[in-house]
PDB file of N, CA and C in Angstrom:
ATOM      1  N   ARG A   1       0.584  -1.149  -0.209  1.00  0.00           N
ATOM      2  CA  ARG A   1       0.030  -0.059   0.149  1.00  0.00           C
ATOM      3  C   ARG A   1       0.865   1.506  -0.166  1.00  0.00           C
ATOM      4  N   LEU A   2       0.485   2.305  -0.395  1.00  0.00           N
ATOM      5  CA  LEU A   2       1.071   3.654  -0.546  1.00  0.00           C
ATOM      6  C   LEU A   2       0.382   4.445   0.465  1.00  0.00           C
ATOM      7  N   TYR A   3       0.940   5.117   1.344  1.00  0.00           N
ATOM      8  CA  TYR A   3       0.190   5.940   2.340  1.00  0.00           C
ATOM      9  C   TYR A   3       1.433   7.138   2.840  1.00  0.00           C
ATOM     10  N   ARG A   4       0.666   7.991   3.206  1.00  0.00           N
ATOM     11  CA  ARG A   4       1.432   9.192   3.908  1.00  0.00           C
ATOM     12  C   ARG A   4       0.920   9.409   5.376  1.00  0.00           C
ATOM     13  N   LEU A   5       1.940  10.008   6.056  1.00  0.00           N
ATOM     14  CA  LEU A   5       1.074  10.317   7.563  1.00  0.00           C
ATOM     15  C   LEU A   5       0.666  11.994   7.513  1.00  0.00           C
ATOM     16  N   ASP A   6      -0.386  12.170   8.305  1.00  0.00           N
ATOM     17  CA  ASP A   6      -1.182  13.403   8.204  1.00  0.00           C
ATOM     18  C   ASP A   6      -0.317  13.958   9.692  1.00  0.00           C
ATOM     19  N   SER A   7      -0.745  15.560   9.924  1.00  0.00           N
ATOM     20  CA  SER A   7      -0.221  16.015  10.443  1.00  0.00           C
ATOM     21  C   SER A   7      -0.135  15.818  12.083  1.00  0.00           C
ATOM     22  N   SER A   8      -1.121  14.539  12.330  1.00  0.00           N
ATOM     23  CA  SER A   8      -1.114  14.105  13.763  1.00  0.00           C
ATOM     24  C   SER A   8      -0.569  12.801  13.716  1.00  0.00           C
ATOM     25  N   GLY A   9       0.263  12.361  12.849  1.00  0.00           N
ATOM     26  CA  GLY A   9       0.991  11.196  12.844  1.00  0.00           C
ATOM     27  C   GLY A   9       0.110   9.815  12.332  1.00  0.00           C
ATOM     28  N   ILE A  10      -0.784   9.975  11.753  1.00  0.00           N
ATOM     29  CA  ILE A  10      -1.971   8.706  11.584  1.00  0.00           C
ATOM     30  C   ILE A  10      -1.813   8.536  10.018  1.00  0.00           C
ATOM     31  N   ASP A  11      -1.398   7.410   9.671  1.00  0.00           N
ATOM     32  CA  ASP A  11      -1.152   7.159   8.286  1.00  0.00           C
ATOM     33  C   ASP A  11      -2.337   6.946   7.524  1.00  0.00           C
ATOM     34  N   ARG A  12      -2.517   7.479   6.327  1.00  0.00           N
ATOM     35  CA  ARG A  12      -3.847   7.595   5.577  1.00  0.00           C
ATOM     36  C   ARG A  12      -3.181   7.095   4.187  1.00  0.00           C
ATOM     37  N   THR A  13      -4.075   5.743   4.087  1.00  0.00           N
ATOM     38  CA  THR A  13      -3.719   4.944   2.526  1.00  0.00           C
ATOM     39  C   THR A  13      -4.338   5.797   1.382  1.00  0.00           C
ATOM     40  N   LEU A  14      -3.159   6.056   0.507  1.00  0.00           N
ATOM     41  CA  LEU A  14      -3.582   6.643  -0.857  1.00  0.00           C
ATOM     42  C   LEU A  14      -3.846   5.569  -1.762  1.00  0.00           C
ATOM     43  N   ASP A  15      -3.337   4.503  -1.996  1.00  0.00           N
ATOM     44  CA  ASP A  15      -3.488   3.544  -2.906  1.00  0.00           C
ATOM     45  C   ASP A  15      -3.191   2.287  -2.554  1.00  0.00           C
ATOM     46  N   SER A  16      -3.557   1.118  -3.189  1.00  0.00           N
ATOM     47  CA  SER A  16      -3.234  -0.372  -3.230  1.00  0.00           C
ATOM     48  C   SER A  16      -2.766  -0.725  -4.343  1.00  0.00           C
ATOM     49  N   ILE A  17      -1.276  -1.434  -4.541  1.00  0.00           N
ATOM     50  CA  ILE A  17      -0.594  -1.691  -5.375  1.00  0.00           C
ATOM     51  C   ILE A  17      -0.788  -3.162  -5.431  1.00  0.00           C
ATOM     52  N   ALA A  18      -1.437  -3.644  -6.960  1.00  0.00           N
ATOM     53  CA  ALA A  18      -1.367  -4.964  -6.794  1.00  0.00           C
ATOM     54  C   ALA A  18      -0.215  -5.756  -7.589  1.00  0.00           C
ATOM     55  N   PRO A  19      -0.067  -7.145  -7.828  1.00  0.00           N
ATOM     56  CA  PRO A  19       1.187  -7.825  -8.357  1.00  0.00           C
ATOM     57  C   PRO A  19       1.133  -7.385  -9.934  1.00  0.00           C
ATOM     58  N   GLY A  20       2.415  -6.981 -10.102  1.00  0.00           N
ATOM     59  CA  GLY A  20       2.757  -6.395 -11.478  1.00  0.00           C
ATOM     60  C   GLY A  20       2.418  -4.762 -11.872  1.00  0.00           C
ATOM     61  N   ASP A  21       1.918  -4.192 -10.694  1.00  0.00           N
ATOM     62  CA  ASP A  21       1.528  -2.572 -10.942  1.00  0.00           C
ATOM     63  C   ASP A  21       3.012  -1.904 -10.790  1.00  0.00           C
ATOM     64  N   CYS A  22       3.232  -0.549 -11.065  1.00  0.00           N
ATOM     65  CA  CYS A  22       4.190   0.119 -10.899  1.00  0.00           C
ATOM     66  C   CYS A  22       3.895   1.550 -10.202  1.00  0.00           C
ATOM     67  N   PHE A  23       4.701   2.187  -9.485  1.00  0.00           N
ATOM     68  CA  PHE A  23       4.548   3.118  -8.625  1.00  0.00           C
ATOM     69  C   PHE A  23       5.682   3.988  -8.757  1.00  0.00           C
ATOM     70  N   ALA A  24       5.469   5.275  -8.651  1.00  0.00           N
ATOM     71  CA  ALA A  24       6.656   6.153  -8.433  1.00  0.00           C
ATOM     72  C   ALA A  24       7.623   6.360  -9.784  1.00  0.00           C
ATOM     73  N   GLU A  25       6.992   5.805 -10.863  1.00  0.00           N
ATOM     74  CA  GLU A  25       7.837   5.992 -12.262  1.00  0.00           C
ATOM     75  C   GLU A  25       7.813   7.518 -12.593  1.00  0.00           C
ATOM     76  N   VAL A  26       6.695   8.368 -12.066  1.00  0.00           N
ATOM     77  CA  VAL A  26       6.667   9.569 -12.759  1.00  0.00           C
ATOM     78  C   VAL A  26       7.633  10.363 -11.843  1.00  0.00           C
ATOM     79  N   MET A  27       8.442  10.220 -10.802  1.00  0.00           N
ATOM     80  CA  MET A  27       9.119  10.943 -10.110  1.00  0.00           C
ATOM     81  C   MET A  27      10.457  10.915 -10.913  1.00  0.00           C
ATOM     82  N   ILE A  28      10.668  10.608 -12.202  1.00  0.00           N
ATOM     83  CA  ILE A  28      11.825  10.682 -12.778  1.00  0.00           C
ATOM     84  C   ILE A  28      12.026  11.917 -13.266  1.00  0.00           C
ATOM     85  N   TYR A  29      10.740  12.669 -13.380  1.00  0.00           N
ATOM     86  CA  TYR A  29      10.676  14.014 -13.870  1.00  0.00           C
ATOM     87  C   TYR A  29      10.454  15.043 -12.833  1.00  0.00           C
ATOM     88  N   ALA A  30      10.854  14.586 -11.319  1.00  0.00           N
ATOM     89  CA  ALA A  30      10.588  15.466 -10.117  1.00  0.00           C
ATOM     90  C   ALA A  30      12.148  15.927 -10.030  1.00  0.00           C
ATOM     91  N   ASP A  31      12.338  16.972  -9.445  1.00  0.00           N
ATOM     92  CA  ASP A  31      13.729  17.557  -8.892  1.00  0.00           C
ATOM     93  C   ASP A  31      13.871  18.180  -7.666  1.00  0.00           C
ATOM     94  N   PRO A  32      14.025  17.435  -6.605  1.00  0.00           N
ATOM     95  CA  PRO A  32      14.726  16.205  -6.683  1.00  0.00           C
ATOM     96  C   PRO A  32      13.715  14.879  -6.779  1.00  0.00           C
ATOM     97  N   PRO A  33      14.400  13.706  -7.527  1.00  0.00           N
ATOM     98  CA  PRO A  33      13.442  12.697  -7.762  1.00  0.00           C
ATOM     99  C   PRO A  33      12.995  11.785  -6.455  1.00  0.00           C
ATOM    100  N   ARG A  34      12.085  12.353  -5.737  1.00  0.00           N
ATOM    101  CA  ARG A  34      11.734  11.894  -4.563  1.00  0.00           C
ATOM    102  C   ARG A  34      10.043  11.372  -4.180  1.00  0.00           C
ATOM    103  N   TYR A  35       9.996  10.371  -3.754  1.00  0.00           N
ATOM    104  CA  TYR A  35       8.525   9.960  -3.942  1.00  0.00           C
ATOM    105  C   TYR A  35       7.699  10.743  -2.449  1.00  0.00           C
ATOM    106  N   ALA A  36       6.592  11.117  -2.653  1.00  0.00           N
ATOM    107  CA  ALA A  36       5.870  11.880  -1.704  1.00  0.00           C
ATOM    108  C   ALA A  36       5.202  10.917  -0.673  1.00  0.00           C
ATOM    109  N   CYS A  37       5.483   9.791  -0.898  1.00  0.00           N
ATOM    110  CA  CYS A  37       4.523   8.913   0.305  1.00  0.00           C
ATOM    111  C   CYS A  37       5.520   7.624   0.470  1.00  0.00           C
ATOM    112  N   TYR A  38       5.159   6.800   1.651  1.00  0.00           N
ATOM    113  CA  TYR A  38       5.717   5.728   1.829  1.00  0.00           C
ATOM    114  C   TYR A  38       5.133   4.379   1.163  1.00  0.00           C
ATOM    115  N   ALA A  39       5.913   3.353   0.933  1.00  0.00           N
ATOM    116  CA  ALA A  39       5.295   1.751   0.459  1.00  0.00           C
ATOM    117  C   ALA A  39       5.559   0.889   1.537  1.00  0.00           C
ATOM    118  N   GLU A  40       4.220   0.179   1.624  1.00  0.00           N
ATOM    119  CA  GLU A  40       4.389  -0.897   2.714  1.00  0.00           C
ATOM    120  C   GLU A  40       4.130  -2.306   2.075  1.00  0.00           C
ATOM    121  N   ALA A  41       4.864  -3.148   1.832  1.00  0.00           N
ATOM    122  CA  ALA A  41       4.218  -4.608   1.496  1.00  0.00           C
ATOM    123  C   ALA A  41       3.321  -5.113   2.706  1.00  0.00           C
ATOM    124  N   LEU A  42       1.803  -5.793   2.248  1.00  0.00           N
ATOM    125  CA  LEU A  42       1.214  -5.778   3.292  1.00  0.00           C
ATOM    126  C   LEU A  42       1.341  -7.785   3.216  1.00  0.00           C
ATOM    127  N   LYS A  43       1.739  -8.265   2.420  1.00  0.00           N
ATOM    128  CA  LYS A  43       2.301  -9.632   2.800  1.00  0.00           C
ATOM    129  C   LYS A  43       3.748  -9.786   1.907  1.00  0.00           C
ATOM    130  N   SER A  44       4.060 -11.109   1.833  1.00  0.00           N
ATOM    131  CA  SER A  44       5.622 -11.392   1.309  1.00  0.00           C
ATOM    132  C   SER A  44       5.577 -10.831  -0.202  1.00  0.00           C
ATOM    133  N   SER A  45       6.705  -9.944  -0.705  1.00  0.00           N
ATOM    134  CA  SER A  45       6.482  -9.430  -2.164  1.00  0.00           C
ATOM    135  C   SER A  45       8.147  -9.053  -2.410  1.00  0.00           C
ATOM    136  N   GLU A  46       7.822  -9.312  -3.793  1.00  0.00           N
ATOM    137  CA  GLU A  46       9.281  -9.013  -4.415  1.00  0.00           C
ATOM    138  C   GLU A  46       9.024  -7.680  -5.213  1.00  0.00           C
ATOM    139  N   VAL A  47       9.993  -6.768  -5.198  1.00  0.00           N
ATOM    140  CA  VAL A  47      10.043  -5.461  -5.604  1.00  0.00           C
ATOM    141  C   VAL A  47      11.174  -5.494  -6.154  1.00  0.00           C
ATOM    142  N   LEU A  48      10.886  -4.629  -7.862  1.00  0.00           N
ATOM    143  CA  LEU A  48      11.870  -4.326  -8.461  1.00  0.00           C
ATOM    144  C   LEU A  48      12.044  -3.082  -8.601  1.00  0.00           C
ATOM    145  N   MET A  49      13.493  -2.380  -8.370  1.00  0.00           N
ATOM    146  CA  MET A  49      13.490  -1.321  -8.555  1.00  0.00           C
ATOM    147  C   MET A  49      14.517  -0.830 -10.075  1.00  0.00           C
ATOM    148  N   ILE A  50      13.836  -0.066 -10.723  1.00  0.00           N
ATOM    149  CA  ILE A  50      14.588   0.361 -11.660  1.00  0.00           C
ATOM    150  C   ILE A  50      15.261   1.818 -11.669  1.00  0.00           C
ATOM    151  N   PRO A  51      16.393   1.801 -11.852  1.00  0.00           N
ATOM    152  CA  PRO A  51      17.128   2.943 -11.667  1.00  0.00           C
ATOM    153  C   PRO A  51      16.992   4.066 -12.717  1.00  0.00           C
ATOM    154  N   VAL A  52      16.798   5.325 -12.264  1.00  0.00           N
ATOM    155  CA  VAL A  52      16.102   6.543 -12.936  1.00  0.00           C
ATOM    156  C   VAL A  52      16.761   6.678 -14.239  1.00  0.00           C
ATOM    157  N   LYS A  53      18.204   6.557 -14.436  1.00  0.00           N
ATOM    158  CA  LYS A  53      18.922   6.733 -15.700  1.00  0.00           C
ATOM    159  C   LYS A  53      18.278   5.545 -16.880  1.00  0.00           C
ATOM    160  N   ALA A  54      18.277   4.273 -16.267  1.00  0.00           N
ATOM    161  CA  ALA A  54      17.917   3.412 -16.922  1.00  0.00           C
ATOM    162  C   ALA A  54      16.559   3.184 -17.636  1.00  0.00           C
ATOM    163  N   TYR A  55      15.677   3.608 -16.876  1.00  0.00           N
ATOM    164  CA  TYR A  55      14.407   4.505 -17.232  1.00  0.00           C
ATOM    165  C   TYR A  55      14.049   5.017 -18.334  1.00  0.00           C
ATOM    166  N   GLN A  56      15.011   6.364 -17.910  1.00  0.00           N
ATOM    167  CA  GLN A  56      14.841   7.451 -18.991  1.00  0.00           C
ATOM    168  C   GLN A  56      15.307   6.958 -20.138  1.00  0.00           C
ATOM    169  N   ASP A  57      16.416   6.069 -20.074  1.00  0.00           N
ATOM    170  CA  ASP A  57      16.919   5.888 -21.255  1.00  0.00           C
ATOM    171  C   ASP A  57      15.992   4.840 -22.268  1.00  0.00           C
ATOM    172  N   MET A  58      15.271   3.873 -21.598  1.00  0.00           N
ATOM    173  CA  MET A  58      14.356   3.099 -22.010  1.00  0.00           C
ATOM    174  C   MET A  58      13.154   3.992 -22.872  1.00  0.00           C
ATOM    175  N   LEU A  59      12.716   4.961 -21.964  1.00  0.00           N
ATOM    176  CA  LEU A  59      11.828   5.834 -22.622  1.00  0.00           C
ATOM    177  C   LEU A  59      12.356   6.671 -23.874  1.00  0.00           C
ATOM    178  N   GLU A  60      13.466   7.130 -23.795  1.00  0.00           N
ATOM    179  CA  GLU A  60      14.031   7.723 -25.004  1.00  0.00           C
ATOM    180  C   GLU A  60      14.004   6.703 -26.175  1.00  0.00           C
ATOM    181  N   SER A  61      14.728   5.310 -26.138  1.00  0.00           N
ATOM    182  CA  SER A  61      15.044   4.692 -26.904  1.00  0.00           C
ATOM    183  C   SER A  61      13.755   4.087 -27.438  1.00  0.00           C
ATOM    184  N   ASN A  62      12.607   4.016 -26.865  1.00  0.00           N
ATOM    185  CA  ASN A  62      11.506   3.255 -27.206  1.00  0.00           C
ATOM    186  C   ASN A  62      10.471   4.289 -27.305  1.00  0.00           C
ATOM    187  N   PRO A  63      10.174   4.995 -28.325  1.00  0.00           N
ATOM    188  CA  PRO A  63       8.792   5.757 -28.423  1.00  0.00           C
ATOM    189  C   PRO A  63       7.426   5.399 -28.382  1.00  0.00           C
ATOM    190  N   LYS A  64       7.350   3.928 -28.553  1.00  0.00           N
ATOM    191  CA  LYS A  64       6.048   3.288 -28.279  1.00  0.00           C
ATOM    192  C   LYS A  64       5.780   2.993 -27.119  1.00  0.00           C
ATOM    193  N   TYR A  65       6.813   2.550 -26.192  1.00  0.00           N
ATOM    194  CA  TYR A  65       6.565   2.427 -24.896  1.00  0.00           C
ATOM    195  C   TYR A  65       6.461   3.601 -24.270  1.00  0.00           C
ATOM    196  N   ALA A  66       7.429   5.004 -24.534  1.00  0.00           N
ATOM    197  CA  ALA A  66       7.196   6.096 -23.640  1.00  0.00           C
ATOM    198  C   ALA A  66       5.522   6.547 -24.209  1.00  0.00           C
ATOM    199  N   GLN A  67       5.053   6.515 -25.392  1.00  0.00           N
ATOM    200  CA  GLN A  67       3.716   6.888 -25.507  1.00  0.00           C
ATOM    201  C   GLN A  67       2.634   5.757 -24.501  1.00  0.00           C
ATOM    202  N   ALA A  68       2.927   4.779 -24.409  1.00  0.00           N
ATOM    203  CA  ALA A  68       1.905   3.680 -23.512  1.00  0.00           C
ATOM    204  C   ALA A  68       2.017   4.212 -22.295  1.00  0.00           C
ATOM    205  N   ALA A  69       3.658   4.855 -21.688  1.00  0.00           N
ATOM    206  CA  ALA A  69       3.615   5.153 -20.571  1.00  0.00           C
ATOM    207  C   ALA A  69       3.085   6.572 -20.023  1.00  0.00           C
ATOM    208  N   LEU A  70       2.893   7.432 -20.938  1.00  0.00           N
ATOM    209  CA  LEU A  70       2.281   8.366 -20.813  1.00  0.00           C
ATOM    210  C   LEU A  70       0.488   8.554 -20.692  1.00  0.00           C
ATOM    211  N   ARG A  71       0.212   7.411 -21.757  1.00  0.00           N
ATOM    212  CA  ARG A  71      -1.247   7.275 -21.724  1.00  0.00           C
ATOM    213  C   ARG A  71      -1.544   6.467 -20.098  1.00  0.00           C
ATOM    214  N   HIS A  72      -0.826   5.687 -19.574  1.00  0.00           N
ATOM    215  CA  HIS A  72      -0.571   5.002 -18.383  1.00  0.00           C
ATOM    216  C   HIS A  72      -1.005   6.454 -17.420  1.00  0.00           C
ATOM    217  N   TYR A  73      -0.005   6.900 -17.418  1.00  0.00           N
ATOM    218  CA  TYR A  73       0.359   8.165 -16.182  1.00  0.00           C
ATOM    219  C   TYR A  73      -1.007   9.289 -16.190  1.00  0.00           C
ATOM    220  N   ALA A  74      -1.415   9.402 -17.534  1.00  0.00           N
ATOM    221  CA  ALA A  74      -2.783  10.150 -17.855  1.00  0.00           C
ATOM    222  C   ALA A  74      -3.965   9.523 -17.568  1.00  0.00           C
ATOM    223  N   LYS A  75      -4.083   8.457 -17.710  1.00  0.00           N
ATOM    224  CA  LYS A  75      -5.162   7.814 -16.997  1.00  0.00           C
ATOM    225  C   LYS A  75      -5.475   7.566 -15.516  1.00  0.00           C
ATOM    226  N   ARG A  76      -4.150   7.458 -15.063  1.00  0.00           N
ATOM    227  CA  ARG A  76      -3.986   7.388 -13.397  1.00  0.00           C
ATOM    228  C   ARG A  76      -4.414   8.683 -12.620  1.00  0.00           C
ATOM    229  N   ALA A  77      -3.615   9.886 -13.474  1.00  0.00           N
ATOM    230  CA  ALA A  77      -4.199  11.241 -13.086  1.00  0.00           C
ATOM    231  C   ALA A  77      -5.650  11.457 -13.245  1.00  0.00           C
ATOM    232  N   VAL A  78      -6.338  11.085 -14.249  1.00  0.00           N
ATOM    233  CA  VAL A  78      -7.558  11.564 -14.442  1.00  0.00           C
ATOM    234  C   VAL A  78      -8.401  10.558 -13.223  1.00  0.00           C
ATOM    235  N   SER A  79      -7.891   9.447 -12.785  1.00  0.00           N
ATOM    236  CA  SER A  79      -8.604   8.913 -11.888  1.00  0.00           C
ATOM    237  C   SER A  79      -8.412   9.111 -10.452  1.00  0.00           C
ATOM    238  N   ARG A  80      -7.206   9.867 -10.387  1.00  0.00           N
ATOM    239  CA  ARG A  80      -6.948  10.498  -9.079  1.00  0.00           C
ATOM    240  C   ARG A  80      -7.842  11.838  -8.894  1.00  0.00           C
ATOM    241  N   PHE A  81      -7.707  12.825  -9.999  1.00  0.00           N
ATOM    242  CA  PHE A  81      -8.848  13.719 -10.123  1.00  0.00           C
ATOM    243  C   PHE A  81     -10.386  13.189  -9.595  1.00  0.00           C
ATOM    244  N   HIS A  82     -10.742  12.311 -10.229  1.00  0.00           N
ATOM    245  CA  HIS A  82     -12.125  11.947 -10.185  1.00  0.00           C
ATOM    246  C   HIS A  82     -12.275  11.443  -8.579  1.00  0.00           C
ATOM    247  N   ASP A  83     -11.166  10.861  -7.880  1.00  0.00           N
ATOM    248  CA  ASP A  83     -11.145  10.434  -6.669  1.00  0.00           C
ATOM    249  C   ASP A  83     -11.249  11.508  -5.414  1.00  0.00           C
ATOM    250  N   LEU A  84     -10.546  12.604  -5.701  1.00  0.00           N
ATOM    251  CA  LEU A  84     -10.588  13.531  -5.084  1.00  0.00           C
ATOM    252  C   LEU A  84     -11.975  14.472  -5.015  1.00  0.00           C
ATOM    253  N   GLU A  85     -12.394  14.327  -6.285  1.00  0.00           N
ATOM    254  CA  GLU A  85     -13.598  15.159  -6.408  1.00  0.00           C
ATOM    255  C   GLU A  85     -14.886  14.431  -5.579  1.00  0.00           C
ATOM    256  N   ILE A  86     -14.731  13.249  -5.782  1.00  0.00           N
ATOM    257  CA  ILE A  86     -15.702  12.367  -4.860  1.00  0.00           C
ATOM    258  C   ILE A  86     -15.706  12.688  -3.371  1.00  0.00           C
ATOM    259  N   MET A  87     -14.203  12.518  -3.015  1.00  0.00           N
ATOM    260  CA  MET A  87     -14.375  12.907  -1.563  1.00  0.00           C
ATOM    261  C   MET A  87     -14.168  14.391  -1.262  1.00  0.00           C
ATOM    262  N   THR A  88     -14.116  15.159  -1.796  1.00  0.00           N
ATOM    263  CA  THR A  88     -14.123  16.685  -1.078  1.00  0.00           C
ATOM    264  C   THR A  88     -15.349  17.517  -1.990  1.00  0.00           C
ATOM    265  N   VAL A  89     -15.894  16.907  -3.061  1.00  0.00           N
ATOM    266  CA  VAL A  89     -17.290  17.777  -3.439  1.00  0.00           C
ATOM    267  C   VAL A  89     -18.566  17.158  -3.194  1.00  0.00           C
ATOM    268  N   GLN A  90     -18.401  16.047  -3.560  1.00  0.00           N
ATOM    269  CA  GLN A  90     -19.992  15.352  -3.327  1.00  0.00           C
ATOM    270  C   GLN A  90     -20.292  14.928  -2.056  1.00  0.00           C
ATOM    271  N   ASN A  91     -21.675  14.949  -1.981  1.00  0.00           N
ATOM    272  CA  ASN A  91     -22.158  14.444  -0.496  1.00  0.00           C
ATOM    273  C   ASN A  91     -22.318  12.964  -0.604  1.00  0.00           C
ATOM    274  N   ALA A  92     -22.815  12.436   0.384  1.00  0.00           N
ATOM    275  CA  ALA A  92     -22.813  11.060   0.623  1.00  0.00           C
ATOM    276  C   ALA A  92     -23.603  10.155  -0.440  1.00  0.00           C
ATOM    277  N   ARG A  93     -24.736  10.703  -0.483  1.00  0.00           N
ATOM    278  CA  ARG A  93     -25.768  10.512  -1.750  1.00  0.00           C
ATOM    279  C   ARG A  93     -24.993  10.238  -3.030  1.00  0.00           C
ATOM    280  N   ASP A  94     -24.570  11.249  -3.554  1.00  0.00           N
ATOM    281  CA  ASP A  94     -23.897  11.515  -4.680  1.00  0.00           C
ATOM    282  C   ASP A  94     -22.818  10.543  -5.092  1.00  0.00           C
ATOM    283  N   ARG A  95     -21.969  10.230  -3.708  1.00  0.00           N
ATOM    284  CA  ARG A  95     -21.079   9.398  -3.903  1.00  0.00           C
ATOM    285  C   ARG A  95     -21.229   7.883  -4.111  1.00  0.00           C
ATOM    286  N   LEU A  96     -22.272   7.593  -3.298  1.00  0.00           N
ATOM    287  CA  LEU A  96     -22.957   6.205  -3.391  1.00  0.00           C
ATOM    288  C   LEU A  96     -23.325   6.103  -5.079  1.00  0.00           C
ATOM    289  N   ILE A  97     -24.073   7.156  -5.324  1.00  0.00           N
ATOM    290  CA  ILE A  97     -24.676   6.995  -6.931  1.00  0.00           C
ATOM    291  C   ILE A  97     -23.627   6.922  -7.653  1.00  0.00           C
ATOM    292  N   ARG A  98     -22.362   7.673  -7.816  1.00  0.00           N
ATOM    293  CA  ARG A  98     -21.188   7.423  -8.556  1.00  0.00           C
ATOM    294  C   ARG A  98     -20.678   6.053  -8.218  1.00  0.00           C
ATOM    295  N   TYR A  99     -20.293   5.777  -7.319  1.00  0.00           N
ATOM    296  CA  TYR A  99     -19.814   4.562  -6.828  1.00  0.00           C
ATOM    297  C   TYR A  99     -20.634   3.574  -7.886  1.00  0.00           C
ATOM    298  N   LEU A 100     -22.008   3.411  -7.365  1.00  0.00           N
ATOM    299  CA  LEU A 100     -22.936   2.141  -8.112  1.00  0.00           C
ATOM    300  C   LEU A 100     -22.656   2.470  -9.739  1.00  0.00           C
ATOM    301  N   ILE A 101     -22.603   3.836 -10.163  1.00  0.00           N
ATOM    302  CA  ILE A 101     -22.519   3.817 -11.670  1.00  0.00           C
ATOM    303  C   ILE A 101     -20.914   3.014 -12.240  1.00  0.00           C
ATOM    304  N   ASP A 102     -20.137   3.524 -11.335  1.00  0.00           N
ATOM    305  CA  ASP A 102     -18.788   3.310 -11.666  1.00  0.00           C
ATOM    306  C   ASP A 102     -18.782   1.169 -11.625  1.00  0.00           C
ATOM    307  N   LEU A 103     -19.501   0.852 -11.106  1.00  0.00           N
ATOM    308  CA  LEU A 103     -19.634  -0.667 -10.916  1.00  0.00           C
ATOM    309  C   LEU A 103     -20.240  -1.470 -12.315  1.00  0.00           C
ATOM    310  N   LEU A 104     -20.805  -0.301 -13.118  1.00  0.00           N
ATOM    311  CA  LEU A 104     -21.844  -0.836 -14.135  1.00  0.00           C
ATOM    312  C   LEU A 104     -20.499  -1.144 -15.070  1.00  0.00           C
ATOM    313  N   PRO A 105     -20.761  -2.325 -15.946  1.00  0.00           N
ATOM    314  CA  PRO A 105     -19.956  -2.630 -17.182  1.00  0.00           C
ATOM    315  C   PRO A 105     -19.870  -1.861 -18.350  1.00  0.00           C
TER     316      PRO A 105
END
């Protein structure tokens, strides 16, 4: 899980990572490249760390992968904005309706 500590020291889960998922890859564009939350494995896990330079080289040498990565980042950003809107703007009734709509195929 990915989490941050709030001002009172309580951890707040931001996201759950499934097997095969990536996280922190957009931080290669940050200066300095430091992730803004903590990661915790809730069960025995294997984590692969790709060095920043190697990932940058891969993006530069493989335009198809770079485009796919950008689509993935954009999809995740839109999802986060959607989640934020639900948590901060909508009332409980509207959140329930949105949740039920999101369950539809």
